[in-house]
Protein backbone atom coordinates (compact mmCIF):
# COMPACT_ATOMS: atom_id res chain seq x y z
CA MET A 1 0.00 0.00 0.00
CA GLN A 2 1.18 3.51 -0.87
CA THR A 3 0.77 6.62 1.28
CA LEU A 4 0.76 10.12 -0.22
CA LEU A 5 0.93 13.08 2.18
CA VAL A 6 -0.35 16.32 0.62
CA THR A 7 0.83 19.57 2.19
CA GLY A 8 2.05 23.04 1.30
CA PRO A 9 1.97 26.68 2.43
CA GLY A 10 -1.29 27.84 4.00
CA GLY A 11 -4.01 28.82 1.55
CA ALA A 12 -2.43 27.00 -1.39
CA GLY A 13 -5.38 24.64 -1.92
CA ARG A 14 -4.06 21.51 -0.20
CA THR A 15 -7.50 19.98 0.48
CA THR A 16 -8.62 20.56 -3.12
CA VAL A 17 -5.47 19.00 -4.56
CA ALA A 18 -5.63 16.06 -2.13
CA ALA A 19 -9.22 15.37 -3.19
CA ALA A 20 -8.41 15.76 -6.90
CA THR A 21 -5.41 13.44 -6.48
CA ALA A 22 -7.49 10.80 -4.70
CA LEU A 23 -10.26 11.01 -7.31
CA ALA A 24 -7.77 10.77 -10.20
CA ALA A 25 -6.20 7.65 -8.65
CA ALA A 26 -9.64 6.10 -8.17
CA ARG A 27 -10.54 6.83 -11.79
CA ASP A 28 -7.32 5.00 -12.73
CA GLY A 29 -8.63 1.90 -10.96
CA GLN A 30 -6.90 2.16 -7.59
CA ARG A 31 -8.72 1.56 -4.30
CA VAL A 32 -8.17 4.86 -2.48
CA LEU A 33 -8.73 6.08 1.06
CA LEU A 34 -8.74 9.87 1.54
CA LEU A 35 -8.07 11.21 5.06
CA SER A 36 -9.16 14.79 5.69
CA ALA A 37 -10.45 16.97 8.50
CA ASP A 38 -12.59 18.87 5.98
CA ALA A 39 -15.39 17.92 3.59
CA PRO A 40 -13.51 17.84 0.27
CA PHE A 41 -16.57 16.90 -1.83
CA GLY A 42 -18.94 19.34 -0.14
CA GLU A 43 -20.64 19.22 3.25
CA GLY A 44 -22.64 16.02 3.54
CA ALA A 45 -21.59 14.79 0.09
CA GLY A 46 -20.30 11.27 -0.34
CA SER A 47 -17.56 9.96 -2.58
CA PRO A 48 -18.15 10.39 -6.34
CA ASP A 49 -16.42 7.06 -7.08
CA PRO A 50 -17.03 3.68 -5.41
CA ARG A 51 -13.27 3.01 -5.37
CA LEU A 52 -12.70 6.14 -3.28
CA ARG A 53 -13.52 6.15 0.44
CA LEU A 54 -13.41 9.21 2.68
CA ALA A 55 -12.44 9.11 6.36
CA ARG A 56 -12.99 12.31 8.31
CA ILE A 57 -10.48 13.18 11.03
CA ASP A 58 -12.41 14.41 14.08
CA SER A 59 -9.79 15.70 16.51
CA GLY A 60 -12.37 16.65 19.14
CA GLU A 61 -13.85 13.17 19.29
CA GLU A 62 -10.36 11.60 19.30
CA PHE A 63 -9.33 13.81 22.23
CA ARG A 64 -12.41 12.99 24.31
CA THR A 65 -12.11 9.25 23.65
CA GLU A 66 -8.40 9.11 24.51
CA LEU A 67 -8.71 11.19 27.69
CA ALA A 68 -11.69 9.15 28.88
CA ALA A 69 -9.70 5.93 28.35
CA LEU A 70 -6.69 7.42 30.17
CA GLN A 71 -8.88 8.36 33.14
CA GLU A 72 -10.34 4.87 33.27
CA ARG A 73 -6.92 3.22 33.27
CA GLY A 74 -5.65 5.56 35.97
CA ALA A 75 -8.79 5.57 38.10
CA SER A 76 -7.07 4.04 41.14
CA LEU A 77 -4.21 6.55 41.01
CA ILE A 78 -6.60 9.49 40.56
CA GLY A 79 -8.64 8.29 43.54
CA MET A 80 -5.52 7.86 45.67
CA LEU A 81 -4.55 11.47 44.95
CA GLY A 82 -8.05 12.71 45.78
CA GLY A 83 -8.87 13.74 42.22
CA ARG A 84 -12.23 13.62 40.49
CA PRO A 85 -12.52 12.32 36.90
CA LEU A 86 -13.75 14.76 34.27
CA GLY A 87 -17.08 14.07 32.58
CA ALA A 88 -17.33 13.77 28.81
CA GLU A 89 -19.32 17.02 28.64
CA GLU A 90 -16.46 18.88 30.39
CA LEU A 91 -13.73 17.88 27.96
CA THR A 92 -12.59 20.61 25.59
CA GLU A 93 -10.07 19.90 22.88
CA LEU A 94 -6.57 21.16 23.75
CA PRO A 95 -3.89 22.55 21.40
CA GLY A 96 -2.03 19.71 19.71
CA ALA A 97 -5.07 17.40 19.59
CA GLU A 98 -5.30 17.82 15.81
CA GLN A 99 -1.79 16.45 15.29
CA PHE A 100 -2.40 13.41 17.46
CA ALA A 101 -5.77 12.73 15.79
CA LEU A 102 -4.10 12.83 12.38
CA LEU A 103 -1.34 10.44 13.47
CA ARG A 104 -3.86 7.97 14.88
CA ALA A 105 -5.87 8.16 11.65
CA LEU A 106 -2.69 7.50 9.69
CA ARG A 107 -1.95 4.43 11.82
CA ARG A 108 -5.47 3.07 11.32
CA ALA A 109 -5.31 3.75 7.57
CA ALA A 110 -2.12 1.69 7.29
CA ALA A 111 -4.15 -1.34 8.39
CA ALA A 112 -7.20 -0.58 6.22
CA PRO A 113 -8.24 -3.58 4.13
CA ALA A 114 -8.59 -3.50 0.33
CA THR A 115 -6.65 -0.24 -0.06
CA ASP A 116 -3.99 0.53 -2.67
CA LEU A 117 -3.39 4.19 -1.87
CA VAL A 118 -3.95 6.41 1.17
CA VAL A 119 -4.06 10.15 0.39
CA VAL A 120 -3.72 12.36 3.47
CA ASP A 121 -4.83 15.99 3.54
CA MET A 122 -2.11 17.32 5.84
CA PRO A 123 -1.95 20.65 7.74
CA PRO A 124 0.16 23.54 6.35
CA LEU A 125 3.76 22.66 5.55
CA HIS A 126 5.49 23.91 8.71
CA GLN A 127 2.91 22.12 10.89
CA ALA A 128 3.09 18.99 8.74
CA VAL A 129 6.86 18.70 9.23
CA ALA A 130 6.46 19.01 13.01
CA THR A 131 3.61 16.48 13.04
CA LEU A 132 5.50 13.89 11.01
CA ALA A 133 8.56 14.28 13.26
CA LEU A 134 6.47 13.87 16.41
CA PRO A 135 6.41 10.03 16.73
CA ALA A 136 10.20 9.67 16.69
CA GLN A 137 10.66 12.63 19.04
CA LEU A 138 8.14 11.37 21.58
CA ARG A 139 9.61 7.86 21.51
CA ARG A 140 13.02 9.34 22.29
CA TYR A 141 11.57 11.31 25.22
CA LEU A 142 9.85 8.20 26.60
CA ALA A 143 13.04 6.16 26.31
CA ARG A 144 15.01 8.81 28.22
CA LEU A 145 12.44 9.59 30.91
CA LEU A 146 11.06 6.08 31.44
CA PRO A 147 13.73 3.63 30.26
CA ALA A 148 12.34 0.11 29.95
CA GLU A 149 15.39 -1.42 31.64
CA ARG A 150 14.48 0.39 34.87
CA GLN A 151 11.52 -1.94 35.31
CA ALA A 152 13.74 -4.70 36.72
CA ALA A 153 12.08 -4.38 40.14
CA ARG A 154 8.58 -4.91 38.73
CA ALA A 155 8.28 -8.24 40.60
CA LEU A 156 8.67 -6.39 43.91
CA ARG A 157 5.89 -3.88 43.26
CA PRO A 158 2.99 -6.09 44.40
CA VAL A 159 4.83 -6.69 47.69
CA LEU A 160 5.54 -2.99 48.10
CA ALA A 161 1.91 -2.17 47.30
CA GLN A 162 0.72 -4.52 50.04
CA LEU A 163 3.12 -3.01 52.55
CA ALA A 164 2.09 0.53 51.66
CA GLY A 165 -1.57 -0.29 51.31
CA VAL A 166 -1.86 1.67 48.05
CA PRO A 167 -1.29 0.81 44.37
CA MET A 168 2.16 1.59 43.01
CA PRO A 169 1.81 4.38 40.44
CA ALA A 170 5.13 3.50 38.75
CA GLN A 171 3.72 0.29 37.34
CA TRP A 172 0.75 2.12 35.81
CA LEU A 173 3.10 4.78 34.43
CA TYR A 174 5.42 2.24 32.79
CA GLU A 175 2.51 0.31 31.33
CA THR A 176 1.04 3.52 29.87
CA ALA A 177 4.44 4.50 28.45
CA ALA A 178 4.84 1.06 26.87
CA ARG A 179 1.41 1.34 25.22
CA TRP A 180 2.20 4.82 23.90
CA ASP A 181 5.56 3.66 22.58
CA GLU A 182 3.89 0.80 20.72
CA GLU A 183 1.39 3.15 19.10
CA LEU A 184 4.04 5.72 18.24
CA ALA A 185 6.27 3.02 16.73
CA ALA A 186 3.41 1.96 14.45
CA VAL A 187 2.92 5.54 13.23
CA GLN A 188 6.66 6.07 12.83
CA ALA A 189 6.85 2.94 10.67
CA VAL A 190 4.24 4.41 8.32
CA VAL A 191 5.95 7.81 8.14
CA GLU A 192 9.39 6.31 7.45
CA ALA A 193 8.23 3.57 5.06
CA PRO A 194 9.72 3.71 1.53
CA THR A 195 6.15 3.64 0.19
CA THR A 196 5.32 6.97 1.91
CA ARG A 197 5.85 10.12 -0.13
CA VAL A 198 5.05 13.83 0.17
CA ARG A 199 3.26 15.90 -2.47
CA LEU A 200 3.73 19.66 -2.12
CA VAL A 201 1.09 22.20 -3.17
CA ALA A 202 1.88 25.87 -3.72
CA GLU A 203 0.45 28.89 -5.48
CA PRO A 204 3.48 30.20 -7.40
CA GLY A 205 4.98 33.37 -5.99
CA PRO A 206 7.81 34.77 -3.82
CA ALA A 207 6.09 34.00 -0.50
CA ALA A 208 5.50 30.40 -1.55
CA GLY A 209 9.13 30.05 -2.59
CA THR A 210 10.37 31.04 0.86
CA ALA A 211 7.91 28.76 2.67
CA LEU A 212 8.73 25.84 0.38
CA ARG A 213 12.47 26.16 0.82
CA THR A 214 12.15 26.07 4.60
CA GLY A 215 9.63 23.22 4.48
CA VAL A 216 11.63 21.10 2.04
CA LEU A 217 14.64 21.49 4.33
CA GLY A 218 12.59 20.17 7.25
CA LEU A 219 11.34 17.23 5.21
CA ALA A 220 14.87 16.39 4.09
CA LEU A 221 16.17 16.61 7.66
CA HIS A 222 13.64 13.95 8.66
CA GLU A 223 14.34 11.89 5.50
CA LEU A 224 10.84 12.32 4.06
CA ARG A 225 10.71 11.96 0.27
CA VAL A 226 9.06 14.66 -1.83
CA GLU A 227 7.31 13.12 -4.83
CA ALA A 228 6.38 16.28 -6.75
CA LEU A 229 5.26 19.89 -6.50
CA VAL A 230 1.78 20.86 -7.70
CA ALA A 231 1.70 24.49 -8.81
CA ASN A 232 -1.90 25.50 -8.17
CA ARG A 233 -4.03 28.31 -9.67
CA LEU A 234 -1.90 29.04 -12.70
CA VAL A 235 -3.02 31.84 -15.01
CA PRO A 236 -4.68 30.27 -18.08
CA PRO A 237 -2.54 30.80 -21.22
CA GLY A 238 -5.36 32.57 -23.07
CA SER A 239 -5.83 35.09 -20.27
CA ALA A 240 -2.13 35.95 -20.21
CA ALA A 241 -2.15 36.67 -23.94
CA ALA A 242 -5.17 38.98 -23.74
CA ASP A 243 -4.59 40.84 -20.46
CA PRO A 244 -1.34 42.68 -19.54
CA TRP A 245 -2.08 42.29 -15.81
CA ALA A 246 -2.55 38.54 -16.20
CA ALA A 247 0.59 38.42 -18.34
CA GLY A 248 2.60 39.91 -15.47
CA ILE A 249 1.26 37.33 -13.03
CA ALA A 250 1.96 34.56 -15.55
CA ALA A 251 5.55 35.75 -15.95
CA GLN A 252 6.06 35.67 -12.18
CA GLN A 253 4.56 32.19 -12.01
CA GLY A 254 6.75 31.04 -14.89
CA LYS A 255 9.89 32.18 -13.06
CA PHE A 256 8.77 30.24 -9.98
CA LEU A 257 8.13 27.10 -12.02
CA ALA A 258 11.52 27.32 -13.70
CA GLU A 259 13.35 27.63 -10.38
CA TRP A 260 11.54 24.77 -8.66
CA GLY A 261 11.54 22.59 -11.75
CA GLU A 262 15.32 22.27 -11.39
CA ASP A 263 14.91 20.29 -8.17
CA LEU A 264 11.47 18.63 -8.32
CA PRO A 265 8.93 17.35 -10.85
CA VAL A 266 6.38 20.16 -11.18
CA HIS A 267 2.75 19.65 -12.25
CA GLY A 268 0.56 22.64 -13.05
CA LEU A 269 -3.13 23.21 -12.30
CA VAL A 270 -4.81 26.04 -14.17
CA HIS A 271 -7.06 28.39 -12.19
CA LEU A 272 -10.72 27.52 -12.84
CA GLY A 273 -11.79 31.14 -12.42
CA ARG A 274 -13.62 30.21 -9.21
CA ASP A 275 -13.16 28.10 -6.12
CA PRO A 276 -13.72 24.38 -6.86
CA GLN A 277 -17.27 23.63 -5.76
CA ASP A 278 -18.18 20.04 -6.58
CA PRO A 279 -16.79 16.67 -7.79
CA ASP A 280 -17.05 17.87 -11.42
CA ASP A 281 -14.49 20.61 -10.69
CA LEU A 282 -12.26 18.08 -8.91
CA GLU A 283 -12.59 15.80 -11.93
CA VAL A 284 -11.31 18.60 -14.18
CA LEU A 285 -8.34 19.25 -11.89
CA GLY A 286 -7.61 15.54 -11.48
CA SER A 287 -7.41 15.07 -15.23
CA ALA A 288 -4.41 17.41 -15.50
CA PRO A 289 -1.11 15.67 -16.39
CA GLY A 290 0.79 14.33 -13.38
CA ILE A 291 -2.01 14.69 -10.83
CA ALA A 292 -2.78 10.97 -10.71
CA PRO A 293 0.08 9.55 -8.58
CA ALA A 294 2.71 7.58 -10.46
CA PRO A 295 4.15 4.36 -9.02
CA PRO A 296 6.92 5.15 -6.52
CA THR A 297 10.44 5.27 -7.83
CA ARG A 298 13.48 3.92 -6.05
CA PRO A 299 14.24 6.12 -3.00
CA GLY A 300 17.15 8.50 -3.38
CA PRO A 301 20.23 8.27 -1.19
CA GLY A 302 19.49 8.91 2.48
CA TRP A 303 21.98 9.55 5.26
CA THR A 304 24.96 7.42 4.26
CA VAL A 305 28.37 6.76 5.83
CA GLU A 306 31.24 7.11 3.35
CA ASP A 307 34.36 5.09 4.16
CA ARG A 308 37.45 7.26 3.51
CA LEU A 309 39.71 5.59 6.05
CA ALA A 310 42.19 4.39 3.47
CA ALA A 311 42.55 7.74 1.69
CA ASP A 312 41.92 10.41 4.36
CA GLY A 313 41.73 8.47 7.64
CA VAL A 314 38.12 9.55 8.25
CA LEU A 315 34.54 8.37 7.95
CA VAL A 316 32.06 10.85 6.44
CA TRP A 317 28.36 10.99 7.26
CA ALA A 318 26.61 12.47 4.19
CA ILE A 319 23.31 14.22 5.02
CA PRO A 320 21.27 15.53 2.03
CA LEU A 321 19.87 19.00 2.83
CA PRO A 322 18.78 20.56 -0.48
CA GLY A 323 18.76 24.35 -0.40
CA ALA A 324 20.50 24.61 2.98
CA ARG A 325 22.77 27.57 3.75
CA LYS A 326 25.85 27.40 5.90
CA ALA A 327 24.72 30.21 8.20
CA GLU A 328 21.58 28.34 9.27
CA LEU A 329 23.31 25.06 10.14
CA ASP A 330 24.31 23.83 13.58
CA LEU A 331 25.82 20.53 14.77
CA ILE A 332 26.24 19.25 18.32
CA ARG A 333 27.63 15.86 19.35
CA ARG A 334 26.11 14.61 22.61
CA GLY A 335 27.34 11.18 23.62
CA ASP A 336 26.16 8.70 21.00
CA GLU A 337 23.78 11.17 19.37
CA LEU A 338 24.14 14.00 16.88
CA LEU A 339 21.91 17.07 16.94
CA VAL A 340 21.43 18.59 13.49
CA ALA A 341 19.70 21.97 13.23
CA VAL A 342 18.89 23.72 9.96
CA GLY A 343 16.87 26.92 10.13
CA PRO A 344 13.88 26.33 12.45
CA HIS A 345 14.18 22.54 12.24
CA ARG A 346 16.05 20.26 14.66
CA ARG A 347 16.63 16.53 14.73
CA ILE A 348 18.54 14.35 17.18
CA VAL A 349 19.65 11.03 15.73
CA PRO A 350 21.68 8.14 17.16
CA LEU A 351 25.09 7.71 15.58
CA PRO A 352 25.75 4.57 13.54
CA SER A 353 27.85 2.11 15.56
CA ALA A 354 31.09 2.83 13.67
CA LEU A 355 30.79 6.59 14.25
CA ARG A 356 30.32 6.18 18.00
CA ARG A 357 33.98 5.24 18.23
CA CYS A 358 35.02 8.44 16.47
CA THR A 359 35.28 12.14 17.23
CA VAL A 360 33.76 14.85 15.05
CA SER A 361 36.62 16.50 13.17
CA GLY A 362 34.80 18.84 10.81
CA ALA A 363 31.84 19.45 8.53
CA ALA A 364 31.22 21.02 5.13
CA LEU A 365 28.17 21.90 3.07
CA ALA A 366 28.42 21.57 -0.70
CA GLU A 367 25.80 21.05 -3.43
CA GLY A 368 23.00 20.50 -0.94
CA VAL A 369 24.78 17.79 1.06
CA LEU A 370 26.18 18.26 4.57
CA ARG A 371 29.22 16.03 5.11
CA VAL A 372 30.29 15.50 8.71
CA ARG A 373 33.81 14.12 9.15
CA PHE A 374 34.55 11.60 11.91
CA THR A 375 38.07 10.61 12.93
CA PRO A 376 38.53 7.26 14.70
CA ASP A 377 39.26 7.65 18.41
CA PRO A 378 42.43 5.60 19.10
CA ARG A 379 41.13 4.79 22.59
CA LEU A 380 38.05 3.10 21.15
CA TRP A 381 39.01 2.05 17.61
CA PRO A 382 40.60 -1.42 17.28
CA ARG A 383 44.27 -1.16 16.34
CA GLU A 384 45.69 -3.11 13.45
CA ARG A 385 48.42 -5.60 14.31
C-alpha cells in the first residue's frame, strides 16, 4: 500500500489538490482512502467514485475518547490522589489534539483492508513537518524519561503495594508509556516507510518560494521523500495573452516554475476562475497531467556513511539538505547522538555504531549535502596488528 501526504503553504489549496489526487487515482482503478479533517466533496456529500472512500479526522472526538480511556486506566491513582474524573461534557479539545488525531488516523489507515493508496490531507507545511517528526521525538523522550530497563524491580511492586496499602503508580506509568511507545512506533513505521511520499502544493509566488524552501529542508532533515510539486491556480494561457495584468502574473509564475523545476517534478493546475465547488471541478483538476500519482520510484540516497579511512583516515556521514545555507546550520555531538539543526528545524539522531567510536573532526556543506567528518578515536578504535 502507498501513502501520499499532501501539504504546502497555508491557503495553497491543499484539500482541493488532495481530493483531486485521490479522485484521479480512483478513476485509474486504484482503491483509495482519503483522510481529511474537511469535507472535500462538499458538506454532507459522499464519494463520487465507489473506489474512493473518505475518512474524516475528528480531533475533538479523538481527544475525548483518549482522555476518557486514560482516566479509566488511571482511576485508582486518581482516587488515591483525591482527584475527580472529568465528565465527557467537560472535555474541551486542547492545542495539539489535531496532530495526534491525524497520526492515529494515519496508523489506522495503514491497516485498512482492500486499499492501494492512502491520500492524506495534511496541515500547512510547517505544521506537517512538526507532526511527522512527532512520533520519533516522543519515543526518544519516553526512552530517556522512562527507560524500559528500569523496570527490573517490577516483581517487587505487588509486595511494596501490600506493605504501603496503596497501588504503586510507577507500574501504571510504565505500562502507559509502553502502550504509547507501541502506538508511536506503528505511526513512525508508516511515516518512514519507503512507500510513503510527500506531495507539495503551492500557489506560485515569492512567499510560496520562501515557505517551500524552509519546508523542504525540514522534510529532508527527517528523510521524508518529496514526490512532486503541484503548482496551483496558474493563469490560463489565453488570459495571459489577452490581459497585460494577467501576463505579469503569468511571468512571475513562470519564473517560480523554472526555479523549482530544477529540483522537483512540477505539475501545473490552471485556475478555474472560481473556487472548486463540486466533484465535477475536482474531476477537471484531477485530469491534468501528473495529478494521478505515479508508481513510486526507487528512494534517493538517504543519510549514508562514506568510508574514507584508506585515503583520508576519516569516515564521512553524508546528510542531504537541499537548499541549505551554511549560516543556518548547527551541529552538536552529545554522547552517542548527533543534533542537526537547519533553520527552524532540529533533529537528534543516534550515531551509527562505527561513528560512535570516532570524534567529530569537521563538517562542510556543498551542493546541498552536509558532510560530517569523523576521525577514529584511538582509545576506542581497534588497532591493526
